[in-house]
C-alpha atoms as a PDB file:
ATOM      1  CA  MET A   1      62.940 108.800 115.773  1.00  0.00           C
ATOM      2  CA  LYS A   2      65.676 106.638 116.810  1.00  0.00           C
ATOM      3  CA  ILE A   3      66.114 103.493 114.699  1.00  0.00           C
ATOM      4  CA  ALA A   4      67.174 101.190 117.284  1.00  0.00           C
ATOM      5  CA  LEU A   5      66.473  98.055 118.894  1.00  0.00           C
ATOM      6  CA  LYS A   6      67.011  98.137 122.368  1.00  0.00           C
ATOM      7  CA  ILE A   7      67.439  94.981 125.128  1.00  0.00           C
ATOM      8  CA  GLY A   8      66.628  95.838 127.824  1.00  0.00           C
ATOM      9  CA  MET A   9      68.971  95.571 131.279  1.00  0.00           C
ATOM     10  CA  PHE A  10      68.244  92.669 134.018  1.00  0.00           C
ATOM     11  CA  LEU A  11      69.624  90.840 137.052  1.00  0.00           C
ATOM     12  CA  LEU A  12      69.739  87.190 137.394  1.00  0.00           C
ATOM     13  CA  LEU A  13      70.235  86.529 141.058  1.00  0.00           C
ATOM     14  CA  THR A  14      70.699  82.603 141.906  1.00  0.00           C
ATOM     15  CA  VAL A  15      70.716  81.896 145.684  1.00  0.00           C
ATOM     16  CA  THR A  16      73.000  78.994 146.658  1.00  0.00           C
ATOM     17  CA  SER A  17      73.023  77.160 150.602  1.00  0.00           C
ATOM     18  CA  CYS A  18      70.438  78.611 153.146  1.00  0.00           C
ATOM     19  CA  LYS A  19      70.883  79.332 156.550  1.00  0.00           C
ATOM     20  CA  SER A  20      68.668  82.866 156.203  1.00  0.00           C
ATOM     21  CA  ASN A  21      69.777  85.967 157.530  1.00  0.00           C
ATOM     22  CA  LYS A  22      66.787  87.291 156.459  1.00  0.00           C
ATOM     23  CA  SER A  23      64.083  87.650 159.793  1.00  0.00           C
ATOM     24  CA  ASN A  24      60.790  85.920 159.766  1.00  0.00           C
ATOM     25  CA  LEU A  25      58.733  87.896 162.286  1.00  0.00           C
ATOM     26  CA  THR A  26      56.116  85.712 164.004  1.00  0.00           C
ATOM     27  CA  LYS A  27      53.178  85.796 166.925  1.00  0.00           C
ATOM     28  CA  ASN A  28      52.465  82.642 168.695  1.00  0.00           C
ATOM     29  CA  ASN A  29      49.711  82.375 171.046  1.00  0.00           C
ATOM     30  CA  ASN A  30      51.127  83.920 174.369  1.00  0.00           C
ATOM     31  CA  ASP A  31      51.586  87.607 172.290  1.00  0.00           C
ATOM     32  CA  SER A  32      55.232  87.313 172.337  1.00  0.00           C
ATOM     33  CA  ILE A  33      57.386  87.886 168.984  1.00  0.00           C
ATOM     34  CA  SER A  34      59.844  85.378 168.020  1.00  0.00           C
ATOM     35  CA  ASP A  35      62.293  86.136 165.275  1.00  0.00           C
ATOM     36  CA  THR A  36      63.944  83.007 163.259  1.00  0.00           C
ATOM     37  CA  THR A  37      67.004  83.755 160.967  1.00  0.00           C
ATOM     38  CA  SER A  38      68.018  82.262 157.973  1.00  0.00           C
ATOM     39  CA  VAL A  39      71.411  83.122 156.409  1.00  0.00           C
ATOM     40  CA  VAL A  40      72.158  83.000 152.999  1.00  0.00           C
ATOM     41  CA  ASP A  41      75.997  81.709 152.808  1.00  0.00           C
ATOM     42  CA  THR A  42      76.531  82.794 148.887  1.00  0.00           C
ATOM     43  CA  VAL A  43      74.625  85.148 146.202  1.00  0.00           C
ATOM     44  CA  THR A  44      75.679  84.500 142.769  1.00  0.00           C
ATOM     45  CA  TYR A  45      74.641  87.276 139.962  1.00  0.00           C
ATOM     46  CA  GLN A  46      74.711  87.560 136.064  1.00  0.00           C
ATOM     47  CA  LYS A  47      74.308  91.045 135.164  1.00  0.00           C
ATOM     48  CA  VAL A  48      73.023  91.177 131.010  1.00  0.00           C
ATOM     49  CA  GLU A  49      73.808  94.740 129.971  1.00  0.00           C
ATOM     50  CA  VAL A  50      72.015  96.874 127.367  1.00  0.00           C
ATOM     51  CA  ILE A  51      72.760  95.819 124.069  1.00  0.00           C
ATOM     52  CA  GLU A  52      71.450  98.279 121.490  1.00  0.00           C
ATOM     53  CA  GLU A  53      71.434  97.004 117.624  1.00  0.00           C
ATOM     54  CA  GLU A  54      71.385  99.390 115.154  1.00  0.00           C
ATOM     55  CA  LYS A  55      69.732  99.033 111.940  1.00  0.00           C
ATOM     56  CA  THR A  56      71.345  99.891 108.509  1.00  0.00           C
ATOM     57  CA  ILE A  57      69.630 102.298 106.507  1.00  0.00           C
ATOM     58  CA  ASN A  58      68.842 101.902 103.221  1.00  0.00           C
ATOM     59  CA  ILE A  59      70.406 105.397 101.709  1.00  0.00           C
ATOM     60  CA  ASP A  60      68.867 105.200  98.214  1.00  0.00           C
ATOM     61  CA  SER A  61      65.829 105.159  99.815  1.00  0.00           C
ATOM     62  CA  ILE A  62      66.234 108.296 101.464  1.00  0.00           C
ATOM     63  CA  LEU A  63      67.833 110.419  98.425  1.00  0.00           C
ATOM     64  CA  LYS A  64      64.827 109.251  96.282  1.00  0.00           C
ATOM     65  CA  ALA A  65      62.076 110.633  99.017  1.00  0.00           C
ATOM     66  CA  ASN A  66      63.814 113.508  99.088  1.00  0.00           C
ATOM     67  CA  ILE A  67      64.036 114.748  95.204  1.00  0.00           C
ATOM     68  CA  ASN A  68      61.919 117.778  96.340  1.00  0.00           C
ATOM     69  CA  ILE A  69      64.374 118.621  98.519  1.00  0.00           C
ATOM     70  CA  ASP A  70      65.519 121.830  97.357  1.00  0.00           C
ATOM     71  CA  ASN A  71      61.533 123.568  97.921  1.00  0.00           C
ATOM     72  CA  GLU A  72      62.783 123.144 101.744  1.00  0.00           C
ATOM     73  CA  LEU A  73      65.953 124.042 102.325  1.00  0.00           C
ATOM     74  CA  ASN A  74      67.112 127.769 102.498  1.00  0.00           C
ATOM     75  CA  SER A  75      69.988 129.470 100.865  1.00  0.00           C
ATOM     76  CA  ASP A  76      73.304 128.134 102.925  1.00  0.00           C
ATOM     77  CA  SER A  77      71.747 125.738 104.720  1.00  0.00           C
ATOM     78  CA  ILE A  78      71.815 122.075 105.811  1.00  0.00           C
ATOM     79  CA  TYR A  79      69.610 119.767 106.714  1.00  0.00           C
ATOM     80  CA  ASN A  80      71.104 115.944 107.750  1.00  0.00           C
ATOM     81  CA  ALA A  81      68.271 113.138 107.424  1.00  0.00           C
ATOM     82  CA  LEU A  82      70.779 110.427 109.429  1.00  0.00           C
ATOM     83  CA  GLY A  83      73.439 111.276 112.314  1.00  0.00           C
ATOM     84  CA  LYS A  84      73.188 113.027 115.996  1.00  0.00           C
ATOM     85  CA  GLN A  85      71.575 116.189 114.275  1.00  0.00           C
ATOM     86  CA  GLY A  86      69.177 114.159 111.900  1.00  0.00           C
ATOM     87  CA  TYR A  87      65.529 113.280 111.514  1.00  0.00           C
ATOM     88  CA  PHE A  88      66.806 109.717 112.467  1.00  0.00           C
ATOM     89  CA  GLU A  89      69.476 110.052 115.251  1.00  0.00           C
ATOM     90  CA  ILE A  90      71.693 106.912 114.078  1.00  0.00           C
ATOM     91  CA  TYR A  91      75.227 106.113 115.325  1.00  0.00           C
ATOM     92  CA  ASN A  92      76.426 103.560 113.077  1.00  0.00           C
ATOM     93  CA  GLY A  93      78.661 105.592 110.872  1.00  0.00           C
ATOM     94  CA  GLN A  94      75.804 106.320 108.263  1.00  0.00           C
ATOM     95  CA  ALA A  95      75.204 110.304 107.627  1.00  0.00           C
ATOM     96  CA  ILE A  96      73.605 111.885 104.710  1.00  0.00           C
ATOM     97  CA  ALA A  97      72.664 115.666 104.702  1.00  0.00           C
ATOM     98  CA  PHE A  98      71.137 117.779 101.850  1.00  0.00           C
ATOM     99  CA  THR A  99      72.489 121.378 101.323  1.00  0.00           C
ATOM    100  CA  ARG A 100      72.420 124.600  99.416  1.00  0.00           C
ATOM    101  CA  LEU A 101      76.136 126.369  99.447  1.00  0.00           C
ATOM    102  CA  GLU A 102      74.991 129.756  98.295  1.00  0.00           C
ATOM    103  CA  ASN A 103      72.033 131.751  97.572  1.00  0.00           C
ATOM    104  CA  ASN A 104      70.293 130.268  95.232  1.00  0.00           C
ATOM    105  CA  GLY A 105      72.832 127.619  94.215  1.00  0.00           C
ATOM    106  CA  ASN A 106      72.334 124.312  92.874  1.00  0.00           C
ATOM    107  CA  VAL A 107      71.313 121.446  96.029  1.00  0.00           C
ATOM    108  CA  PHE A 108      73.434 118.551  96.745  1.00  0.00           C
ATOM    109  CA  ALA A 109      73.953 115.421  99.018  1.00  0.00           C
ATOM    110  CA  ALA A 110      76.785 114.378 101.362  1.00  0.00           C
ATOM    111  CA  VAL A 111      76.788 110.528 102.032  1.00  0.00           C
ATOM    112  CA  CYS A 112      78.415 107.860 104.287  1.00  0.00           C
ATOM    113  CA  PRO A 113      76.219 105.090 102.656  1.00  0.00           C
ATOM    114  CA  GLU A 114      77.780 102.120 105.169  1.00  0.00           C
ATOM    115  CA  VAL A 115      78.455 101.576 108.206  1.00  0.00           C
ATOM    116  CA  TYR A 116      81.628 102.429 109.825  1.00  0.00           C
ATOM    117  CA  ASP A 117      84.149  99.253 110.052  1.00  0.00           C
ATOM    118  CA  PHE A 118      86.048 100.382 113.320  1.00  0.00           C
ATOM    119  CA  GLU A 119      88.949  97.442 112.894  1.00  0.00           C
ATOM    120  CA  LYS A 120      89.732  98.632 109.291  1.00  0.00           C
ATOM    121  CA  GLY A 121      89.330 102.505 109.725  1.00  0.00           C
ATOM    122  CA  ILE A 122      87.592 103.229 106.413  1.00  0.00           C
ATOM    123  CA  THR A 123      84.698 104.383 105.031  1.00  0.00           C
ATOM    124  CA  VAL A 124      83.016 105.471 101.908  1.00  0.00           C
ATOM    125  CA  LEU A 125      82.231 109.293 101.321  1.00  0.00           C
ATOM    126  CA  MET A 126      80.120 110.609  98.532  1.00  0.00           C
ATOM    127  CA  PHE A 127      78.890 113.456  96.946  1.00  0.00           C
ATOM    128  CA  TYR A 128      75.498 113.952  94.998  1.00  0.00           C
ATOM    129  CA  GLN A 129      74.004 116.745  92.492  1.00  0.00           C
ATOM    130  CA  LEU A 130      70.336 117.144  92.374  1.00  0.00           C
ATOM    131  CA  LYS A 131      69.502 117.934  88.981  1.00  0.00           C
ATOM    132  CA  ASN A 132      65.817 117.215  87.075  1.00  0.00           C
ATOM    133  CA  LYS A 133      64.878 115.322  90.337  1.00  0.00           C
ATOM    134  CA  GLU A 134      67.526 112.654  90.088  1.00  0.00           C
ATOM    135  CA  TRP A 135      70.512 112.114  92.233  1.00  0.00           C
ATOM    136  CA  ASN A 136      73.797 112.550  90.270  1.00  0.00           C
ATOM    137  CA  LEU A 137      77.078 110.778  91.926  1.00  0.00           C
ATOM    138  CA  ILE A 138      79.891 113.495  91.032  1.00  0.00           C
ATOM    139  CA  SER A 139      82.407 112.805  93.717  1.00  0.00           C
ATOM    140  CA  LYS A 140      83.595 109.534  95.654  1.00  0.00           C
ATOM    141  CA  TYR A 141      86.496 109.334  98.221  1.00  0.00           C
ATOM    142  CA  GLU A 142      87.799 106.361 100.705  1.00  0.00           C
ATOM    143  CA  ILE A 143      88.528 108.419 103.451  1.00  0.00           C
ATOM    144  CA  TYR A 144      90.489 106.772 107.118  1.00  0.00           C
ATOM    145  CA  VAL A 145      87.920 108.627 109.245  1.00  0.00           C
ATOM    146  CA  ASP A 146      84.310 108.298 110.929  1.00  0.00           C
ATOM    147  CA  VAL A 147      81.180 110.916 110.111  1.00  0.00           C
ATOM    148  CA  PHE A 148      79.128 111.574 113.030  1.00  0.00           C
ATOM    149  CA  TYR A 149      77.386 114.793 110.902  1.00  0.00           C
ATOM    150  CA  PHE A 150      77.939 117.232 108.613  1.00  0.00           C
ATOM    151  CA  ASP A 151      77.906 121.597 109.151  1.00  0.00           C
ATOM    152  CA  LEU A 152      78.138 124.358 107.013  1.00  0.00           C
ATOM    153  CA  VAL A 153      81.158 126.476 107.272  1.00  0.00           C
ATOM    154  CA  ASP A 154      82.388 129.728 105.337  1.00  0.00           C
ATOM    155  CA  LEU A 155      86.037 129.121 105.827  1.00  0.00           C
ATOM    156  CA  ASP A 156      87.259 132.798 103.722  1.00  0.00           C
ATOM    157  CA  ASN A 157      84.387 134.641 103.474  1.00  0.00           C
ATOM    158  CA  ASP A 158      83.533 134.224  99.821  1.00  0.00           C
ATOM    159  CA  GLY A 159      79.843 133.967 100.151  1.00  0.00           C
ATOM    160  CA  ILE A 160      79.905 129.755  99.011  1.00  0.00           C
ATOM    161  CA  LYS A 161      79.927 127.654 102.282  1.00  0.00           C
ATOM    162  CA  GLU A 162      82.167 124.767 102.548  1.00  0.00           C
ATOM    163  CA  ILE A 163      80.942 121.104 103.851  1.00  0.00           C
ATOM    164  CA  HIS A 164      82.521 120.275 107.286  1.00  0.00           C
ATOM    165  CA  SER A 165      82.451 116.899 108.293  1.00  0.00           C
ATOM    166  CA  LYS A 166      82.642 116.054 112.357  1.00  0.00           C
ATOM    167  CA  GLY A 167      83.730 112.265 113.362  1.00  0.00           C
ATOM    168  CA  HIS A 168      82.615 110.511 116.843  1.00  0.00           C
ATOM    169  CA  PRO A 169      84.577 112.148 120.223  1.00  0.00           C
ATOM    170  CA  ASN A 170      86.113 110.057 121.730  1.00  0.00           C
ATOM    171  CA  MET A 171      86.915 109.880 125.418  1.00  0.00           C
ATOM    172  CA  ASN A 172      88.558 113.246 125.706  1.00  0.00           C
ATOM    173  CA  GLY A 173      85.925 115.013 123.422  1.00  0.00           C
ATOM    174  CA  ASN A 174      87.711 115.533 120.655  1.00  0.00           C
ATOM    175  CA  TYR A 175      87.206 114.162 117.164  1.00  0.00           C
ATOM    176  CA  TRP A 176      87.712 114.692 113.023  1.00  0.00           C
ATOM    177  CA  ASN A 177      87.131 117.493 110.938  1.00  0.00           C
ATOM    178  CA  ASN A 178      87.423 117.266 107.101  1.00  0.00           C
ATOM    179  CA  PHE A 179      86.514 120.299 104.725  1.00  0.00           C
ATOM    180  CA  TYR A 180      84.968 119.678 101.561  1.00  0.00           C
ATOM    181  CA  SER A 181      84.836 122.624  98.464  1.00  0.00           C
ATOM    182  CA  PHE A 182      82.712 122.272  95.384  1.00  0.00           C
ATOM    183  CA  SER A 183      84.647 123.090  91.929  1.00  0.00           C
ATOM    184  CA  LYS A 184      82.001 124.643  90.114  1.00  0.00           C
ATOM    185  CA  ASP A 185      85.028 124.357  87.289  1.00  0.00           C
ATOM    186  CA  GLU A 186      85.752 120.246  87.539  1.00  0.00           C
ATOM    187  CA  ASN A 187      82.229 119.929  89.099  1.00  0.00           C
ATOM    188  CA  LYS A 188      83.141 117.911  91.856  1.00  0.00           C
ATOM    189  CA  PHE A 189      83.865 118.051  95.641  1.00  0.00           C
ATOM    190  CA  ILE A 190      87.424 118.521  96.752  1.00  0.00           C
ATOM    191  CA  ASP A 191      89.449 117.218  99.838  1.00  0.00           C
ATOM    192  CA  GLY A 192      90.393 120.513 101.499  1.00  0.00           C
ATOM    193  CA  GLY A 193      91.990 118.114 104.426  1.00  0.00           C
ATOM    194  CA  GLY A 194      91.128 118.995 108.619  1.00  0.00           C
ATOM    195  CA  PHE A 195      92.423 118.030 111.596  1.00  0.00           C
ATOM    196  CA  PHE A 196      91.637 115.971 114.550  1.00  0.00           C
ATOM    197  CA  SER A 197      90.385 118.258 118.029  1.00  0.00           C
ATOM    198  CA  SER A 198      86.997 119.998 119.852  1.00  0.00           C
ATOM    199  CA  MET A 199      88.916 123.447 120.217  1.00  0.00           C
ATOM    200  CA  TYR A 200      88.808 125.396 117.228  1.00  0.00           C
ATOM    201  CA  GLU A 201      87.887 129.005 115.886  1.00  0.00           C
ATOM    202  CA  PHE A 202      87.253 130.054 112.358  1.00  0.00           C
ATOM    203  CA  LYS A 203      88.032 133.185 111.261  1.00  0.00           C
ATOM    204  CA  PRO A 204      87.053 133.607 107.617  1.00  0.00           C
ATOM    205  CA  LYS A 205      87.606 137.221 107.163  1.00  0.00           C
ATOM    206  CA  SER A 206      91.101 136.234 107.078  1.00  0.00           C
ATOM    207  CA  SER A 207      91.191 132.574 105.588  1.00  0.00           C
ATOM    208  CA  ARG A 208      92.361 131.416 109.246  1.00  0.00           C
ATOM    209  CA  VAL A 209      91.602 128.521 111.089  1.00  0.00           C
ATOM    210  CA  GLU A 210      93.250 128.528 115.032  1.00  0.00           C
ATOM    211  CA  VAL A 211      93.282 124.759 116.560  1.00  0.00           C
ATOM    212  CA  GLU A 212      93.940 124.034 119.939  1.00  0.00           C
ATOM    213  CA  TYR A 213      94.720 119.974 120.944  1.00  0.00           C
ATOM    214  CA  GLY A 214      94.545 118.651 124.424  1.00  0.00           C
ATOM    215  CA  GLY A 215      94.569 114.905 124.398  1.00  0.00           C
ATOM    216  CA  SER A 216      95.393 112.214 127.350  1.00  0.00           C
ATOM    217  CA  TRP A 217      98.310 113.018 129.991  1.00  0.00           C
ATOM    218  CA  TYR A 218     101.005 110.929 127.891  1.00  0.00           C
ATOM    219  CA  MET A 219     100.009 113.215 124.459  1.00  0.00           C
ATOM    220  CA  PRO A 220     101.839 116.363 123.686  1.00  0.00           C
ATOM    221  CA  ASN A 221      99.306 119.582 123.550  1.00  0.00           C
ATOM    222  CA  THR A 222      99.298 121.790 120.288  1.00  0.00           C
ATOM    223  CA  LYS A 223      98.449 124.930 118.533  1.00  0.00           C
ATOM    224  CA  THR A 224      98.158 125.178 114.946  1.00  0.00           C
ATOM    225  CA  ILE A 225      97.283 127.847 112.626  1.00  0.00           C
ATOM    226  CA  TYR A 226      95.707 126.935 109.460  1.00  0.00           C
ATOM    227  CA  TYR A 227      94.753 128.776 106.243  1.00  0.00           C
ATOM    228  CA  TRP A 228      92.200 127.946 103.692  1.00  0.00           C
ATOM    229  CA  LYS A 229      94.292 128.227 100.514  1.00  0.00           C
ATOM    230  CA  ASN A 230      93.219 127.272  97.058  1.00  0.00           C
ATOM    231  CA  GLN A 231      90.986 124.723  98.433  1.00  0.00           C
ATOM    232  CA  LYS A 232      93.233 122.953 100.949  1.00  0.00           C
ATOM    233  CA  LEU A 233      93.494 123.303 104.514  1.00  0.00           C
ATOM    234  CA  ILE A 234      97.063 124.584 104.785  1.00  0.00           C
ATOM    235  CA  SER A 235      99.186 124.855 108.135  1.00  0.00           C
ATOM    236  CA  PHE A 236     101.252 127.951 108.820  1.00  0.00           C
ATOM    237  CA  LYS A 237     102.772 128.004 111.788  1.00  0.00           C
ATOM    238  CA  GLU A 238     102.406 125.138 115.018  1.00  0.00           C
ATOM    239  CA  VAL A 239     104.151 125.178 118.506  1.00  0.00           C
ATOM    240  CA  GLU A 240     103.606 121.585 120.800  1.00  0.00           C
ATOM    241  CA  VAL A 241     104.817 120.655 124.448  1.00  0.00           C
ATOM    242  CA  GLY A 242     104.755 117.595 125.633  1.00  0.00           C
ATOM    243  CA  LEU A 243     106.728 115.645 127.964  1.00  0.00           C
ATOM    244  CA  LYS A 244     110.295 114.430 127.249  1.00  0.00           C
ATOM    245  CA  ILE A 245     109.340 110.841 128.513  1.00  0.00           C
ATOM    246  CA  ALA A 246     105.905 109.977 129.194  1.00  0.00           C
ATOM    247  CA  ASP A 247     106.179 107.050 131.920  1.00  0.00           C
ATOM    248  CA  MET A 248     104.808 109.095 134.898  1.00  0.00           C
ATOM    249  CA  LYS A 249     108.115 109.258 136.909  1.00  0.00           C
ATOM    250  CA  HIS A 250     109.743 112.304 134.424  1.00  0.00           C
ATOM    251  CA  ASN A 251     108.251 115.796 134.715  1.00  0.00           C
ATOM    252  CA  ASP A 252     110.399 117.179 132.016  1.00  0.00           C
ATOM    253  CA  TYR A 253     108.931 118.435 129.119  1.00  0.00           C
ATOM    254  CA  TYR A 254     109.829 120.309 125.512  1.00  0.00           C
ATOM    255  CA  ILE A 255     108.540 122.378 123.168  1.00  0.00           C
ATOM    256  CA  LYS A 256     108.495 122.184 119.176  1.00  0.00           C
ATOM    257  CA  TYR A 257     108.061 125.270 116.474  1.00  0.00           C
ATOM    258  CA  SER A 258     107.514 124.045 113.138  1.00  0.00           C
ATOM    259  CA  GLU A 259     106.409 126.919 110.615  1.00  0.00           C
ATOM    260  CA  ASN A 260     105.050 127.203 106.646  1.00  0.00           C
ATOM    261  CA  LEU A 261     105.617 130.793 105.989  1.00  0.00           C
ATOM    262  CA  THR A 262     105.394 130.784 102.350  1.00  0.00           C
ATOM    263  CA  LEU A 263     102.176 128.335 102.091  1.00  0.00           C
ATOM    264  CA  GLU A 264     103.554 126.689  99.413  1.00  0.00           C
ATOM    265  CA  LYS A 265     104.203 123.592 101.619  1.00  0.00           C
ATOM    266  CA  ASP A 266     101.415 120.959 102.545  1.00  0.00           C
ATOM    267  CA  SER A 267     103.286 121.143 106.301  1.00  0.00           C
ATOM    268  CA  VAL A 268     105.147 122.548 108.913  1.00  0.00           C
ATOM    269  CA  GLN A 269     109.223 122.548 108.934  1.00  0.00           C
ATOM    270  CA  LEU A 270     110.458 122.158 112.227  1.00  0.00           C
ATOM    271  CA  VAL A 271     112.405 125.361 113.446  1.00  0.00           C
ATOM    272  CA  TYR A 272     113.292 124.068 116.665  1.00  0.00           C
ATOM    273  CA  LYS A 273     112.730 121.859 119.479  1.00  0.00           C
ATOM    274  CA  LYS A 274     114.492 122.168 123.199  1.00  0.00           C
ATOM    275  CA  SER A 275     113.455 122.137 126.701  1.00  0.00           C
ATOM    276  CA  PHE A 276     110.662 123.356 128.017  1.00  0.00           C
ATOM    277  CA  ARG A 277     111.196 126.271 130.761  1.00  0.00           C
ATOM    278  CA  GLY A 278     111.423 130.056 131.294  1.00  0.00           C
ATOM    279  CA  LYS A 279     109.015 132.753 131.642  1.00  0.00           C
ATOM    280  CA  LYS A 280     109.562 133.596 127.625  1.00  0.00           C
ATOM    281  CA  LEU A 281     108.776 129.639 126.206  1.00  0.00           C
ATOM    282  CA  ASN A 282     105.708 129.834 128.587  1.00  0.00           C
ATOM    283  CA  GLN A 283     104.398 133.036 127.498  1.00  0.00           C
ATOM    284  CA  PHE A 284     105.390 132.193 123.679  1.00  0.00           C
ATOM    285  CA  TYR A 285     103.043 129.157 124.298  1.00  0.00           C
ATOM    286  CA  ASP A 286     100.196 131.105 125.677  1.00  0.00           C
ATOM    287  CA  ASN A 287      99.922 133.724 123.524  1.00  0.00           C
ATOM    288  CA  PHE A 288     100.544 131.927 120.131  1.00  0.00           C
ATOM    289  CA  PHE A 289      97.518 132.880 118.404  1.00  0.00           C
ATOM    290  CA  GLU A 290      97.424 136.564 119.393  1.00  0.00           C
ATOM    291  CA  ASN A 291     101.225 137.027 118.481  1.00  0.00           C
ATOM    292  CA  ASN A 292     101.084 135.336 115.371  1.00  0.00           C
END
C-alpha cells in the first residue's frame, strides 16, 4: 500500500492569435468541397509536473500495533514495515523493521522515525527490544546517511545476524551500506561502520567483504577489502585508479595502493601512488580481490 497523495499531470494550452492552419472542409450546393484554413501563430503551454506528497507516518503507532510480532517472526528473519520492501512503500526517509537476529533470539525493531532532511544530511536511528509486550529503547544514533530499508547478513558466520541498513541509490546506483550488531554483554547495538557502493560480496566464512566502487567519469574507481573484526568493519587493503586531472582534456591516470595488514587501525595507510600504465599494474587492479 502506498501512503502518498498524488496530484496528476495536466497540460494547459493557451492559443493566441487566430489565423488557422486547421482545415475545415465544407460542402456547397454544387457538391464541391472548399477548404478554409486558419493559421495559429503562437501556442503557449504550461506543464504542471506530477507532485507526490507523502504523509509522515506515526512510528509509535506501528510499534504498538506490532507487540505480537514475535509470534510471526521466524528465526533470523526481518520484516520491513516501512521502506522499499515494506508493507507501506514510502520514500521520505522513515523506515522501520522487526527482526530476530538468531534462532530463538530476542525480537528487535530498527527505526528511522524522522523524515530525512537532505539539506542537513542527518537523521536518527533507534533500536528497540521487545520485552513483556513493550518496546524498550536500547540504542540511539545520529547518522549522516539516509536509510531506505533494512536487511540481515551474517558477516562472520557465527550464526548471529547483523542488521544491514541500505540507503537510497544515487544516479549511478550507488548507496550507503551500514552495519549494526547487537552486544549481549552491553545490551545495545554497536555501529560497525559501512561503505558507499552497490557492488559488494560478503564472504562470511572468512569474515570478509569485497567492495568495488565505480561512479561518475570524474570519480576514481576503487576496490576495497574489509574484515569484520570485534563488531567493526575494518579496511584491510585498497586500490584506487583515477584521472590525474579530471577536466575532460587529460587522459592520464594514477594508481594508489593502501593497506592495513594488522587490522589494528581503523583505516588503511598509503603505500604508493604512481602513474597507472603498463600490463603489470593493470593486472594488479583487475585481479585485486583474487590475489589478496
